[in-house]
Amino acid sequence: MVYQPGANNPFAIPGKRGEMPTFVVRASKPQLPPVDLILESALVVALPMRTRFRGITVREAMLFRGLKGWGEFAPFPEYDDVESATWLAAGIEAAWQGPPPAVRDTVEVNATVPAVPAEQVAAVLERFPGARTAKVKVAEAGQSLHDDVERVAAVRELVPTVRIDANGAWDVPTAIEAIAAIGDVEYVEQPCATVKELAAVRRVVNVPIAADESIRRAEDPLLVAKADAADIAVLKVAPLGGMRKVLALRSGLNMDVVISSALDTAVGMSAGIAAAAALPMLNHACGLGTGALFERDVAPSFIPRKGMVTPRLLQPDDDLPLASPERTAWWHERLRRCHAILMTR
């Protein structure tokens, strides 16, 4: 498809960043907007983190505008183009299709506690006013099980419900030992890397197991359910290809679902919250409050009030912290490669 600007183009949008689109897509099903059109409005931001999280101190992301608002393309730098193309599909869905119909007005969210020393826990939790659930990062490289136990204990003193996330860092014996040492939690997210290991841990421990990477980075995201390896599915909009993909996957998993952030900016977070608001059932707080981990966001962050956030579309700020020209060029080339992959799907 060759991009030709103008009102006759079904993807055409106004050139001014602050204006909302006026043209209508006439196609009977969603199409892929031309790559040059996506890049016309693209902005690459570099957001400093308050605390190192997932090894990151600065979060880079590309934002772009479509017919229905703004989308985000922000796969982590180490992800290959094939995996990253799915993140682009999610951003395009948000910008050109908009959110699915909501069935609730608010979404409960958990606080997120990075692998900080126990004495810093209270300061972290202050950024999540009213949160009744906290997810605590454990199994951080260079730290000990003792550090994890102390951090979780400090969180328990302030928040009634605690869940932990190991990001697949433990083997089966280590996971069993660590879970016993840490004690009662709502669930343990991705204690081990593989579905087989998750199933082995689940057979032994007395707490629910949640799967994250074993779903979003798997060739068969339903394998966790087929293997009876988890009690809860942690679903993330960007890595799974969009809000509607998440809703479709949820129906096939036949287990409780938690919608979580992939360290999204406010633009990506709005898609995650929209997906959570559209779920038929939502029995657990969602991991959609990570905007509090940024020193500043691309728009007013979804900061919880009484532990809740409200779905909304948003407009990025005018004075964004932009990435360097070199990093911007890197993201532009990455988007072009991922767009070419989507064109073949």
C-alpha atoms as a PDB file:
ATOM      1  CA  MET A   1       0.000   0.000   0.000  1.00  0.00           C
ATOM      2  CA  VAL A   2       1.346   3.447  -0.968  1.00  0.00           C
ATOM      3  CA  TYR A   3       0.585   6.267   1.439  1.00  0.00           C
ATOM      4  CA  GLN A   4      -0.996   9.293  -0.247  1.00  0.00           C
ATOM      5  CA  PRO A   5      -1.935  12.123   2.132  1.00  0.00           C
ATOM      6  CA  GLY A   6      -5.329  13.725   1.869  1.00  0.00           C
ATOM      7  CA  ALA A   7      -8.996  13.362   2.693  1.00  0.00           C
ATOM      8  CA  ASN A   8      -9.435  10.466   0.270  1.00  0.00           C
ATOM      9  CA  ASN A   9      -7.007   8.350   2.254  1.00  0.00           C
ATOM     10  CA  PRO A  10      -8.943   6.247   4.821  1.00  0.00           C
ATOM     11  CA  PHE A  11      -6.107   6.663   7.357  1.00  0.00           C
ATOM     12  CA  ALA A  12      -5.688  10.428   6.923  1.00  0.00           C
ATOM     13  CA  ILE A  13      -5.413  12.509  10.084  1.00  0.00           C
ATOM     14  CA  PRO A  14      -4.850  16.224  10.676  1.00  0.00           C
ATOM     15  CA  GLY A  15      -1.228  17.316  10.764  1.00  0.00           C
ATOM     16  CA  LYS A  16      -1.382  19.309  13.973  1.00  0.00           C
ATOM     17  CA  ARG A  17      -0.538  17.214  17.037  1.00  0.00           C
ATOM     18  CA  GLY A  18      -3.127  18.783  19.326  1.00  0.00           C
ATOM     19  CA  GLU A  19      -6.075  18.193  17.005  1.00  0.00           C
ATOM     20  CA  MET A  20      -8.212  15.064  17.032  1.00  0.00           C
ATOM     21  CA  PRO A  21      -8.805  13.124  13.797  1.00  0.00           C
ATOM     22  CA  THR A  22     -11.787  13.953  11.606  1.00  0.00           C
ATOM     23  CA  PHE A  23     -11.667  11.403   8.772  1.00  0.00           C
ATOM     24  CA  VAL A  24     -13.452   8.063   8.975  1.00  0.00           C
ATOM     25  CA  VAL A  25     -12.135   4.610   8.128  1.00  0.00           C
ATOM     26  CA  ARG A  26     -14.467   3.153   5.507  1.00  0.00           C
ATOM     27  CA  ALA A  27     -12.953  -0.329   5.409  1.00  0.00           C
ATOM     28  CA  SER A  28     -15.121  -3.173   6.681  1.00  0.00           C
ATOM     29  CA  LYS A  29     -12.304  -4.513   8.833  1.00  0.00           C
ATOM     30  CA  PRO A  30      -9.178  -2.960  10.430  1.00  0.00           C
ATOM     31  CA  GLN A  31      -6.282  -2.335   8.054  1.00  0.00           C
ATOM     32  CA  LEU A  32      -2.647  -1.585   8.727  1.00  0.00           C
ATOM     33  CA  PRO A  33      -1.891   2.136   8.408  1.00  0.00           C
ATOM     34  CA  PRO A  34       1.110   2.984   6.202  1.00  0.00           C
ATOM     35  CA  VAL A  35       4.395   3.192   8.060  1.00  0.00           C
ATOM     36  CA  ASP A  36       5.097   6.743   6.868  1.00  0.00           C
ATOM     37  CA  LEU A  37       1.752   7.870   8.271  1.00  0.00           C
ATOM     38  CA  ILE A  38       2.590   6.362  11.671  1.00  0.00           C
ATOM     39  CA  LEU A  39       5.970   8.089  11.682  1.00  0.00           C
ATOM     40  CA  GLU A  40       4.468  11.494  10.763  1.00  0.00           C
ATOM     41  CA  SER A  41       3.199  11.979  14.316  1.00  0.00           C
ATOM     42  CA  ALA A  42       5.735   9.739  16.080  1.00  0.00           C
ATOM     43  CA  LEU A  43       7.515  10.992  19.193  1.00  0.00           C
ATOM     44  CA  VAL A  44      10.214   9.056  21.041  1.00  0.00           C
ATOM     45  CA  VAL A  45      10.349   9.817  24.751  1.00  0.00           C
ATOM     46  CA  ALA A  46      12.901   8.957  27.446  1.00  0.00           C
ATOM     47  CA  LEU A  47      11.314   8.824  30.905  1.00  0.00           C
ATOM     48  CA  PRO A  48      13.602   8.669  33.977  1.00  0.00           C
ATOM     49  CA  MET A  49      12.572   6.074  36.568  1.00  0.00           C
ATOM     50  CA  ARG A  50      12.346   6.835  40.276  1.00  0.00           C
ATOM     51  CA  THR A  51      13.954   3.472  41.065  1.00  0.00           C
ATOM     52  CA  ARG A  52      15.665   0.910  38.882  1.00  0.00           C
ATOM     53  CA  PHE A  53      12.926  -1.446  37.709  1.00  0.00           C
ATOM     54  CA  ARG A  54      13.494  -4.519  35.576  1.00  0.00           C
ATOM     55  CA  GLY A  55      17.073  -3.281  35.219  1.00  0.00           C
ATOM     56  CA  ILE A  56      15.862  -0.018  33.642  1.00  0.00           C
ATOM     57  CA  THR A  57      16.596   3.523  34.836  1.00  0.00           C
ATOM     58  CA  VAL A  58      15.212   5.295  31.729  1.00  0.00           C
ATOM     59  CA  ARG A  59      12.126   4.021  29.884  1.00  0.00           C
ATOM     60  CA  GLU A  60      12.061   4.770  26.171  1.00  0.00           C
ATOM     61  CA  ALA A  61       8.825   4.614  24.180  1.00  0.00           C
ATOM     62  CA  MET A  62       7.453   5.752  20.836  1.00  0.00           C
ATOM     63  CA  LEU A  63       4.049   7.456  20.732  1.00  0.00           C
ATOM     64  CA  PHE A  64       1.979   8.062  17.609  1.00  0.00           C
ATOM     65  CA  ARG A  65      -1.477   9.417  16.790  1.00  0.00           C
ATOM     66  CA  GLY A  66      -4.220   7.778  14.767  1.00  0.00           C
ATOM     67  CA  LEU A  67      -7.889   8.201  14.002  1.00  0.00           C
ATOM     68  CA  LYS A  68      -9.056   7.257  17.518  1.00  0.00           C
ATOM     69  CA  GLY A  69      -6.287   8.759  19.638  1.00  0.00           C
ATOM     70  CA  TRP A  70      -2.743   7.826  20.628  1.00  0.00           C
ATOM     71  CA  GLY A  71      -0.893   4.522  20.557  1.00  0.00           C
ATOM     72  CA  GLU A  72       2.379   3.359  22.058  1.00  0.00           C
ATOM     73  CA  PHE A  73       5.217   1.202  20.704  1.00  0.00           C
ATOM     74  CA  ALA A  74       7.651   0.327  23.487  1.00  0.00           C
ATOM     75  CA  PRO A  75       9.019  -3.229  23.401  1.00  0.00           C
ATOM     76  CA  PHE A  76      12.096  -3.562  25.565  1.00  0.00           C
ATOM     77  CA  PRO A  77      15.352  -3.053  23.629  1.00  0.00           C
ATOM     78  CA  GLU A  78      16.461  -6.684  23.907  1.00  0.00           C
ATOM     79  CA  TYR A  79      13.292  -8.027  22.228  1.00  0.00           C
ATOM     80  CA  ASP A  80      13.705  -9.147  18.628  1.00  0.00           C
ATOM     81  CA  ASP A  81      11.671  -7.724  15.763  1.00  0.00           C
ATOM     82  CA  VAL A  82       9.241 -10.635  15.531  1.00  0.00           C
ATOM     83  CA  GLU A  83       8.212 -10.284  19.168  1.00  0.00           C
ATOM     84  CA  SER A  84       8.291  -6.481  18.982  1.00  0.00           C
ATOM     85  CA  ALA A  85       5.927  -6.445  16.001  1.00  0.00           C
ATOM     86  CA  THR A  86       3.155  -7.668  18.302  1.00  0.00           C
ATOM     87  CA  TRP A  87       3.692  -4.588  20.479  1.00  0.00           C
ATOM     88  CA  LEU A  88       3.317  -2.428  17.369  1.00  0.00           C
ATOM     89  CA  ALA A  89       0.020  -4.130  16.552  1.00  0.00           C
ATOM     90  CA  ALA A  90      -1.240  -3.169  20.020  1.00  0.00           C
ATOM     91  CA  GLY A  91      -0.251   0.466  19.536  1.00  0.00           C
ATOM     92  CA  ILE A  92      -1.931   0.607  16.135  1.00  0.00           C
ATOM     93  CA  GLU A  93      -5.110  -0.891  17.594  1.00  0.00           C
ATOM     94  CA  ALA A  94      -5.219   1.797  20.289  1.00  0.00           C
ATOM     95  CA  ALA A  95      -4.590   4.638  17.840  1.00  0.00           C
ATOM     96  CA  TRP A  96      -6.834   3.510  14.980  1.00  0.00           C
ATOM     97  CA  GLN A  97      -9.573   1.404  16.631  1.00  0.00           C
ATOM     98  CA  GLY A  98      -9.801   2.762  20.160  1.00  0.00           C
ATOM     99  CA  PRO A  99     -10.930   0.833  23.236  1.00  0.00           C
ATOM    100  CA  PRO A 100     -13.518  -1.953  23.364  1.00  0.00           C
ATOM    101  CA  PRO A 101     -16.820  -1.286  25.194  1.00  0.00           C
ATOM    102  CA  ALA A 102     -16.384  -1.048  28.970  1.00  0.00           C
ATOM    103  CA  VAL A 103     -18.476  -2.945  31.520  1.00  0.00           C
ATOM    104  CA  ARG A 104     -17.136  -1.100  34.596  1.00  0.00           C
ATOM    105  CA  ASP A 105     -16.290   2.502  35.458  1.00  0.00           C
ATOM    106  CA  THR A 106     -13.267   1.850  37.675  1.00  0.00           C
ATOM    107  CA  VAL A 107     -10.480  -0.722  37.939  1.00  0.00           C
ATOM    108  CA  GLU A 108      -8.777  -1.696  41.181  1.00  0.00           C
ATOM    109  CA  VAL A 109      -4.984  -1.622  40.914  1.00  0.00           C
ATOM    110  CA  ASN A 110      -2.132  -2.921  43.017  1.00  0.00           C
ATOM    111  CA  ALA A 111       0.879  -1.012  44.257  1.00  0.00           C
ATOM    112  CA  THR A 112       4.162  -2.143  42.730  1.00  0.00           C
ATOM    113  CA  VAL A 113       7.198  -2.437  44.985  1.00  0.00           C
ATOM    114  CA  PRO A 114      10.548  -2.808  43.178  1.00  0.00           C
ATOM    115  CA  ALA A 115      13.417  -4.758  44.733  1.00  0.00           C
ATOM    116  CA  VAL A 116      14.216  -1.967  47.186  1.00  0.00           C
ATOM    117  CA  PRO A 117      15.579  -2.382  50.735  1.00  0.00           C
ATOM    118  CA  ALA A 118      12.890  -2.963  53.343  1.00  0.00           C
ATOM    119  CA  GLU A 119      13.407   0.499  54.839  1.00  0.00           C
ATOM    120  CA  GLN A 120      12.363   2.111  51.521  1.00  0.00           C
ATOM    121  CA  VAL A 121       9.075   0.235  51.224  1.00  0.00           C
ATOM    122  CA  ALA A 122       6.948   2.827  53.018  1.00  0.00           C
ATOM    123  CA  ALA A 123       8.131   5.606  50.694  1.00  0.00           C
ATOM    124  CA  VAL A 124       7.288   3.498  47.634  1.00  0.00           C
ATOM    125  CA  LEU A 125       3.803   2.671  48.902  1.00  0.00           C
ATOM    126  CA  GLU A 126       3.042   6.362  49.461  1.00  0.00           C
ATOM    127  CA  ARG A 127       2.888   6.699  45.661  1.00  0.00           C
ATOM    128  CA  PHE A 128      -0.121   4.331  45.575  1.00  0.00           C
ATOM    129  CA  PRO A 129      -2.714   5.978  47.827  1.00  0.00           C
ATOM    130  CA  GLY A 130      -5.435   3.644  49.006  1.00  0.00           C
ATOM    131  CA  ALA A 131      -3.970   0.506  47.448  1.00  0.00           C
ATOM    132  CA  ARG A 132      -5.118  -2.635  49.269  1.00  0.00           C
ATOM    133  CA  THR A 133      -2.894  -4.971  47.242  1.00  0.00           C
ATOM    134  CA  ALA A 134       0.830  -4.763  46.521  1.00  0.00           C
ATOM    135  CA  LYS A 135       2.979  -6.718  44.088  1.00  0.00           C
ATOM    136  CA  VAL A 136       6.513  -7.141  45.366  1.00  0.00           C
ATOM    137  CA  LYS A 137       9.464  -7.901  43.116  1.00  0.00           C
ATOM    138  CA  VAL A 138      11.627 -10.760  44.411  1.00  0.00           C
ATOM    139  CA  ALA A 139      14.564 -12.833  43.140  1.00  0.00           C
ATOM    140  CA  GLU A 140      16.487  -9.735  42.038  1.00  0.00           C
ATOM    141  CA  ALA A 141      19.985 -10.494  40.746  1.00  0.00           C
ATOM    142  CA  GLY A 142      22.572  -9.763  43.420  1.00  0.00           C
ATOM    143  CA  GLN A 143      20.087 -10.000  46.290  1.00  0.00           C
ATOM    144  CA  SER A 144      19.361 -12.809  48.738  1.00  0.00           C
ATOM    145  CA  LEU A 145      16.253 -14.624  49.912  1.00  0.00           C
ATOM    146  CA  HIS A 146      16.691 -12.777  53.200  1.00  0.00           C
ATOM    147  CA  ASP A 147      16.281  -9.487  51.303  1.00  0.00           C
ATOM    148  CA  ASP A 148      13.053 -10.804  49.766  1.00  0.00           C
ATOM    149  CA  VAL A 149      11.655 -11.958  53.103  1.00  0.00           C
ATOM    150  CA  GLU A 150      12.386  -8.600  54.742  1.00  0.00           C
ATOM    151  CA  ARG A 151      10.907  -6.614  51.835  1.00  0.00           C
ATOM    152  CA  VAL A 152       7.681  -8.636  51.780  1.00  0.00           C
ATOM    153  CA  ALA A 153       7.372  -8.408  55.565  1.00  0.00           C
ATOM    154  CA  ALA A 154       7.712  -4.621  55.377  1.00  0.00           C
ATOM    155  CA  VAL A 155       4.955  -4.476  52.760  1.00  0.00           C
ATOM    156  CA  ARG A 156       2.665  -6.725  54.844  1.00  0.00           C
ATOM    157  CA  GLU A 157       2.818  -4.216  57.672  1.00  0.00           C
ATOM    158  CA  LEU A 158       1.240  -1.567  55.441  1.00  0.00           C
ATOM    159  CA  VAL A 159      -0.929  -3.383  52.871  1.00  0.00           C
ATOM    160  CA  PRO A 160      -3.374  -6.225  53.619  1.00  0.00           C
ATOM    161  CA  THR A 161      -2.864  -8.264  50.423  1.00  0.00           C
ATOM    162  CA  VAL A 162       0.581  -9.086  49.032  1.00  0.00           C
ATOM    163  CA  ARG A 163       1.580 -10.914  45.849  1.00  0.00           C
ATOM    164  CA  ILE A 164       5.141 -11.566  44.676  1.00  0.00           C
ATOM    165  CA  ASP A 165       6.766 -11.704  41.240  1.00  0.00           C
ATOM    166  CA  ALA A 166       9.994 -13.612  40.541  1.00  0.00           C
ATOM    167  CA  ASN A 167      10.036 -13.058  36.752  1.00  0.00           C
ATOM    168  CA  GLY A 168      10.987 -16.703  36.212  1.00  0.00           C
ATOM    169  CA  ALA A 169      14.268 -16.397  38.095  1.00  0.00           C
ATOM    170  CA  TRP A 170      14.008 -19.488  40.325  1.00  0.00           C
ATOM    171  CA  ASP A 171      14.418 -23.176  39.575  1.00  0.00           C
ATOM    172  CA  VAL A 172      11.876 -25.554  41.127  1.00  0.00           C
ATOM    173  CA  PRO A 173      13.704 -26.343  44.416  1.00  0.00           C
ATOM    174  CA  THR A 174      14.620 -22.687  44.953  1.00  0.00           C
ATOM    175  CA  ALA A 175      11.042 -21.592  44.270  1.00  0.00           C
ATOM    176  CA  ILE A 176       9.620 -24.070  46.774  1.00  0.00           C
ATOM    177  CA  GLU A 177      12.132 -22.972  49.419  1.00  0.00           C
ATOM    178  CA  ALA A 178      11.584 -19.257  48.773  1.00  0.00           C
ATOM    179  CA  ILE A 179       7.797 -19.456  48.783  1.00  0.00           C
ATOM    180  CA  ALA A 180       7.881 -21.292  52.113  1.00  0.00           C
ATOM    181  CA  ALA A 181      10.258 -18.689  53.590  1.00  0.00           C
ATOM    182  CA  ILE A 182       8.263 -15.694  52.359  1.00  0.00           C
ATOM    183  CA  GLY A 183       5.007 -17.113  53.691  1.00  0.00           C
ATOM    184  CA  ASP A 184       1.376 -16.435  52.879  1.00  0.00           C
ATOM    185  CA  VAL A 185       0.751 -14.406  49.718  1.00  0.00           C
ATOM    186  CA  GLU A 186      -2.193 -13.887  47.364  1.00  0.00           C
ATOM    187  CA  TYR A 187      -0.213 -15.584  44.590  1.00  0.00           C
ATOM    188  CA  VAL A 188       3.298 -16.101  43.232  1.00  0.00           C
ATOM    189  CA  GLU A 189       3.789 -14.714  39.739  1.00  0.00           C
ATOM    190  CA  GLN A 190       6.068 -16.627  37.352  1.00  0.00           C
ATOM    191  CA  PRO A 191       8.280 -18.324  39.974  1.00  0.00           C
ATOM    192  CA  CYS A 192      10.090 -20.323  37.250  1.00  0.00           C
ATOM    193  CA  ALA A 193      10.736 -19.832  33.557  1.00  0.00           C
ATOM    194  CA  THR A 194       8.996 -22.817  31.955  1.00  0.00           C
ATOM    195  CA  VAL A 195       5.465 -24.165  32.002  1.00  0.00           C
ATOM    196  CA  LYS A 196       6.765 -27.550  33.138  1.00  0.00           C
ATOM    197  CA  GLU A 197       8.481 -25.921  36.129  1.00  0.00           C
ATOM    198  CA  LEU A 198       5.387 -23.898  37.005  1.00  0.00           C
ATOM    199  CA  ALA A 199       3.343 -27.090  37.082  1.00  0.00           C
ATOM    200  CA  ALA A 200       5.926 -28.786  39.317  1.00  0.00           C
ATOM    201  CA  VAL A 201       5.913 -25.899  41.805  1.00  0.00           C
ATOM    202  CA  ARG A 202       2.134 -25.680  41.781  1.00  0.00           C
ATOM    203  CA  ARG A 203       1.828 -29.347  42.776  1.00  0.00           C
ATOM    204  CA  VAL A 204       3.888 -28.745  45.920  1.00  0.00           C
ATOM    205  CA  VAL A 205       3.124 -25.287  47.318  1.00  0.00           C
ATOM    206  CA  ASN A 206      -0.075 -24.156  49.005  1.00  0.00           C
ATOM    207  CA  VAL A 207      -0.399 -20.769  47.307  1.00  0.00           C
ATOM    208  CA  PRO A 208      -1.798 -19.963  43.850  1.00  0.00           C
ATOM    209  CA  ILE A 209       0.610 -19.685  40.918  1.00  0.00           C
ATOM    210  CA  ALA A 210       0.242 -16.961  38.285  1.00  0.00           C
ATOM    211  CA  ALA A 211       1.721 -17.110  34.797  1.00  0.00           C
ATOM    212  CA  ASP A 212       3.018 -14.059  32.948  1.00  0.00           C
ATOM    213  CA  GLU A 213       5.981 -14.724  30.634  1.00  0.00           C
ATOM    214  CA  SER A 214       4.757 -18.278  30.070  1.00  0.00           C
ATOM    215  CA  ILE A 215       1.719 -16.768  28.366  1.00  0.00           C
ATOM    216  CA  ARG A 216       2.867 -13.576  26.665  1.00  0.00           C
ATOM    217  CA  ARG A 217       6.174 -14.946  25.356  1.00  0.00           C
ATOM    218  CA  ALA A 218       4.929 -18.421  24.438  1.00  0.00           C
ATOM    219  CA  GLU A 219       4.231 -19.779  20.972  1.00  0.00           C
ATOM    220  CA  ASP A 220       1.075 -21.297  22.461  1.00  0.00           C
ATOM    221  CA  PRO A 221      -0.301 -18.917  25.123  1.00  0.00           C
ATOM    222  CA  LEU A 222      -2.917 -21.520  26.082  1.00  0.00           C
ATOM    223  CA  LEU A 223      -0.280 -24.109  27.029  1.00  0.00           C
ATOM    224  CA  VAL A 224      -0.329 -22.959  30.662  1.00  0.00           C
ATOM    225  CA  ALA A 225      -4.008 -23.856  30.919  1.00  0.00           C
ATOM    226  CA  LYS A 226      -3.572 -27.135  29.038  1.00  0.00           C
ATOM    227  CA  ALA A 227      -0.755 -28.149  31.400  1.00  0.00           C
ATOM    228  CA  ASP A 228      -2.725 -27.112  34.513  1.00  0.00           C
ATOM    229  CA  ALA A 229       0.338 -25.071  35.458  1.00  0.00           C
ATOM    230  CA  ALA A 230      -1.251 -21.926  36.900  1.00  0.00           C
ATOM    231  CA  ASP A 231      -4.275 -20.606  38.743  1.00  0.00           C
ATOM    232  CA  ILE A 232      -4.151 -17.033  37.431  1.00  0.00           C
ATOM    233  CA  ALA A 233      -3.186 -15.524  34.073  1.00  0.00           C
ATOM    234  CA  VAL A 234      -1.347 -12.190  34.058  1.00  0.00           C
ATOM    235  CA  LEU A 235      -2.129 -10.599  30.689  1.00  0.00           C
ATOM    236  CA  LYS A 236      -0.416  -7.533  29.222  1.00  0.00           C
ATOM    237  CA  VAL A 237      -1.934  -5.659  26.314  1.00  0.00           C
ATOM    238  CA  ALA A 238       1.167  -4.619  24.381  1.00  0.00           C
ATOM    239  CA  PRO A 239       3.038  -7.965  24.381  1.00  0.00           C
ATOM    240  CA  LEU A 240      -0.144  -9.834  23.431  1.00  0.00           C
ATOM    241  CA  GLY A 241      -1.033  -7.612  20.487  1.00  0.00           C
ATOM    242  CA  GLY A 242      -3.812  -5.400  21.784  1.00  0.00           C
ATOM    243  CA  MET A 243      -6.887  -5.025  23.954  1.00  0.00           C
ATOM    244  CA  ARG A 244      -9.096  -7.244  21.840  1.00  0.00           C
ATOM    245  CA  LYS A 245      -6.444  -9.982  21.702  1.00  0.00           C
ATOM    246  CA  VAL A 246      -6.343  -9.958  25.506  1.00  0.00           C
ATOM    247  CA  LEU A 247     -10.120 -10.295  25.753  1.00  0.00           C
ATOM    248  CA  ALA A 248     -10.124 -13.174  23.266  1.00  0.00           C
ATOM    249  CA  LEU A 249      -7.272 -14.953  25.062  1.00  0.00           C
ATOM    250  CA  ARG A 250      -8.992 -14.606  28.419  1.00  0.00           C
ATOM    251  CA  SER A 251     -11.971 -16.594  27.148  1.00  0.00           C
ATOM    252  CA  GLY A 252      -9.713 -19.492  26.150  1.00  0.00           C
ATOM    253  CA  LEU A 253      -7.700 -19.676  29.369  1.00  0.00           C
ATOM    254  CA  ASN A 254     -10.575 -20.515  31.725  1.00  0.00           C
ATOM    255  CA  MET A 255      -8.840 -19.040  34.771  1.00  0.00           C
ATOM    256  CA  ASP A 256      -8.845 -15.783  36.714  1.00  0.00           C
ATOM    257  CA  VAL A 257      -7.141 -12.912  34.916  1.00  0.00           C
ATOM    258  CA  VAL A 258      -5.067  -9.946  36.081  1.00  0.00           C
ATOM    259  CA  ILE A 259      -4.332  -7.211  33.530  1.00  0.00           C
ATOM    260  CA  SER A 260      -0.889  -5.773  34.072  1.00  0.00           C
ATOM    261  CA  SER A 261       1.409  -3.117  32.656  1.00  0.00           C
ATOM    262  CA  ALA A 262       4.536  -3.746  30.599  1.00  0.00           C
ATOM    263  CA  LEU A 263       6.064  -0.636  32.197  1.00  0.00           C
ATOM    264  CA  ASP A 264       3.811   1.424  29.931  1.00  0.00           C
ATOM    265  CA  THR A 265       3.655   5.182  29.702  1.00  0.00           C
ATOM    266  CA  ALA A 266       0.275   6.782  30.362  1.00  0.00           C
ATOM    267  CA  VAL A 267      -0.626   6.178  26.695  1.00  0.00           C
ATOM    268  CA  GLY A 268      -0.005   2.446  26.923  1.00  0.00           C
ATOM    269  CA  MET A 269      -1.566   2.340  30.371  1.00  0.00           C
ATOM    270  CA  SER A 270      -4.823   3.737  29.016  1.00  0.00           C
ATOM    271  CA  ALA A 271      -5.079   0.660  26.758  1.00  0.00           C
ATOM    272  CA  GLY A 272      -4.400  -1.697  29.666  1.00  0.00           C
ATOM    273  CA  ILE A 273      -7.040  -0.044  31.820  1.00  0.00           C
ATOM    274  CA  ALA A 274      -9.513  -0.128  28.918  1.00  0.00           C
ATOM    275  CA  ALA A 275      -8.939  -3.874  28.557  1.00  0.00           C
ATOM    276  CA  ALA A 276      -9.482  -4.409  32.283  1.00  0.00           C
ATOM    277  CA  ALA A 277     -12.637  -2.294  32.162  1.00  0.00           C
ATOM    278  CA  ALA A 278     -13.965  -4.500  29.344  1.00  0.00           C
ATOM    279  CA  LEU A 279     -13.395  -7.864  31.056  1.00  0.00           C
ATOM    280  CA  PRO A 280     -16.628  -9.695  31.938  1.00  0.00           C
ATOM    281  CA  MET A 281     -15.166 -10.694  35.325  1.00  0.00           C
ATOM    282  CA  LEU A 282     -12.332  -9.144  37.317  1.00  0.00           C
ATOM    283  CA  ASN A 283     -11.642 -10.757  40.683  1.00  0.00           C
ATOM    284  CA  HIS A 284      -8.175  -9.365  41.447  1.00  0.00           C
ATOM    285  CA  ALA A 285      -6.516  -5.966  41.519  1.00  0.00           C
ATOM    286  CA  CYS A 286      -4.644  -5.229  38.308  1.00  0.00           C
ATOM    287  CA  GLY A 287      -1.026  -4.198  37.852  1.00  0.00           C
ATOM    288  CA  LEU A 288      -1.911  -0.910  36.182  1.00  0.00           C
ATOM    289  CA  GLY A 289      -0.446   1.649  38.575  1.00  0.00           C
ATOM    290  CA  THR A 290       3.179   1.608  37.419  1.00  0.00           C
ATOM    291  CA  GLY A 291       3.041   5.209  36.218  1.00  0.00           C
ATOM    292  CA  ALA A 292       4.035   6.039  39.796  1.00  0.00           C
ATOM    293  CA  LEU A 293       7.453   4.530  39.021  1.00  0.00           C
ATOM    294  CA  PHE A 294       8.297   7.345  36.568  1.00  0.00           C
ATOM    295  CA  GLU A 295       9.754  10.661  37.651  1.00  0.00           C
ATOM    296  CA  ARG A 296       7.410  12.103  35.044  1.00  0.00           C
ATOM    297  CA  ASP A 297       5.019  10.573  32.540  1.00  0.00           C
ATOM    298  CA  VAL A 298       3.932  11.574  29.028  1.00  0.00           C
ATOM    299  CA  ALA A 299       0.571  12.775  30.399  1.00  0.00           C
ATOM    300  CA  PRO A 300      -1.006  12.828  33.866  1.00  0.00           C
ATOM    301  CA  SER A 301      -0.397   9.298  35.154  1.00  0.00           C
ATOM    302  CA  PHE A 302      -3.161   6.948  36.238  1.00  0.00           C
ATOM    303  CA  ILE A 303      -2.492   7.468  39.940  1.00  0.00           C
ATOM    304  CA  PRO A 304      -4.915   5.387  42.020  1.00  0.00           C
ATOM    305  CA  ARG A 305      -7.437   7.050  44.277  1.00  0.00           C
ATOM    306  CA  LYS A 306      -8.678   4.747  47.024  1.00  0.00           C
ATOM    307  CA  GLY A 307      -6.903   1.994  45.117  1.00  0.00           C
ATOM    308  CA  MET A 308      -8.884   2.629  41.914  1.00  0.00           C
ATOM    309  CA  VAL A 309      -8.200   4.137  38.494  1.00  0.00           C
ATOM    310  CA  THR A 310     -10.728   5.359  35.942  1.00  0.00           C
ATOM    311  CA  PRO A 311     -10.510   4.570  32.214  1.00  0.00           C
ATOM    312  CA  ARG A 312      -9.876   7.603  30.005  1.00  0.00           C
ATOM    313  CA  LEU A 313      -8.358   8.622  26.714  1.00  0.00           C
ATOM    314  CA  LEU A 314      -5.582  11.176  26.945  1.00  0.00           C
ATOM    315  CA  GLN A 315      -3.484  13.697  25.077  1.00  0.00           C
ATOM    316  CA  PRO A 316       0.312  13.672  25.598  1.00  0.00           C
ATOM    317  CA  ASP A 317       1.849  16.776  27.127  1.00  0.00           C
ATOM    318  CA  ASP A 318       3.494  19.370  24.893  1.00  0.00           C
ATOM    319  CA  ASP A 319       6.820  19.480  26.772  1.00  0.00           C
ATOM    320  CA  LEU A 320       7.776  15.810  26.646  1.00  0.00           C
ATOM    321  CA  PRO A 321      11.280  14.569  27.571  1.00  0.00           C
ATOM    322  CA  LEU A 322      12.363  13.494  24.091  1.00  0.00           C
ATOM    323  CA  ALA A 323      15.026  10.899  23.350  1.00  0.00           C
ATOM    324  CA  SER A 324      18.244  11.863  21.580  1.00  0.00           C
ATOM    325  CA  PRO A 325      18.288  12.089  17.762  1.00  0.00           C
ATOM    326  CA  GLU A 326      20.328   8.869  17.667  1.00  0.00           C
ATOM    327  CA  ARG A 327      17.810   6.957  19.794  1.00  0.00           C
ATOM    328  CA  THR A 328      14.917   8.446  17.852  1.00  0.00           C
ATOM    329  CA  ALA A 329      16.446   7.191  14.604  1.00  0.00           C
ATOM    330  CA  TRP A 330      16.938   3.759  16.203  1.00  0.00           C
ATOM    331  CA  TRP A 331      13.243   3.594  17.146  1.00  0.00           C
ATOM    332  CA  HIS A 332      12.137   4.765  13.704  1.00  0.00           C
ATOM    333  CA  GLU A 333      14.104   1.995  12.022  1.00  0.00           C
ATOM    334  CA  ARG A 334      12.803  -0.525  14.517  1.00  0.00           C
ATOM    335  CA  LEU A 335       9.218   0.492  13.804  1.00  0.00           C
ATOM    336  CA  ARG A 336       9.807   0.173  10.050  1.00  0.00           C
ATOM    337  CA  ARG A 337      11.129  -3.377  10.463  1.00  0.00           C
ATOM    338  CA  CYS A 338       8.248  -4.385  12.738  1.00  0.00           C
ATOM    339  CA  HIS A 339       5.699  -2.806  10.409  1.00  0.00           C
ATOM    340  CA  ALA A 340       7.124  -4.885   7.544  1.00  0.00           C
ATOM    341  CA  ILE A 341       6.608  -8.014   9.663  1.00  0.00           C
ATOM    342  CA  LEU A 342       2.990  -7.068  10.377  1.00  0.00           C
ATOM    343  CA  MET A 343       2.412  -6.578   6.640  1.00  0.00           C
ATOM    344  CA  THR A 344       3.173 -10.285   6.137  1.00  0.00           C
ATOM    345  CA  ARG A 345       0.752 -11.529   8.822  1.00  0.00           C
END
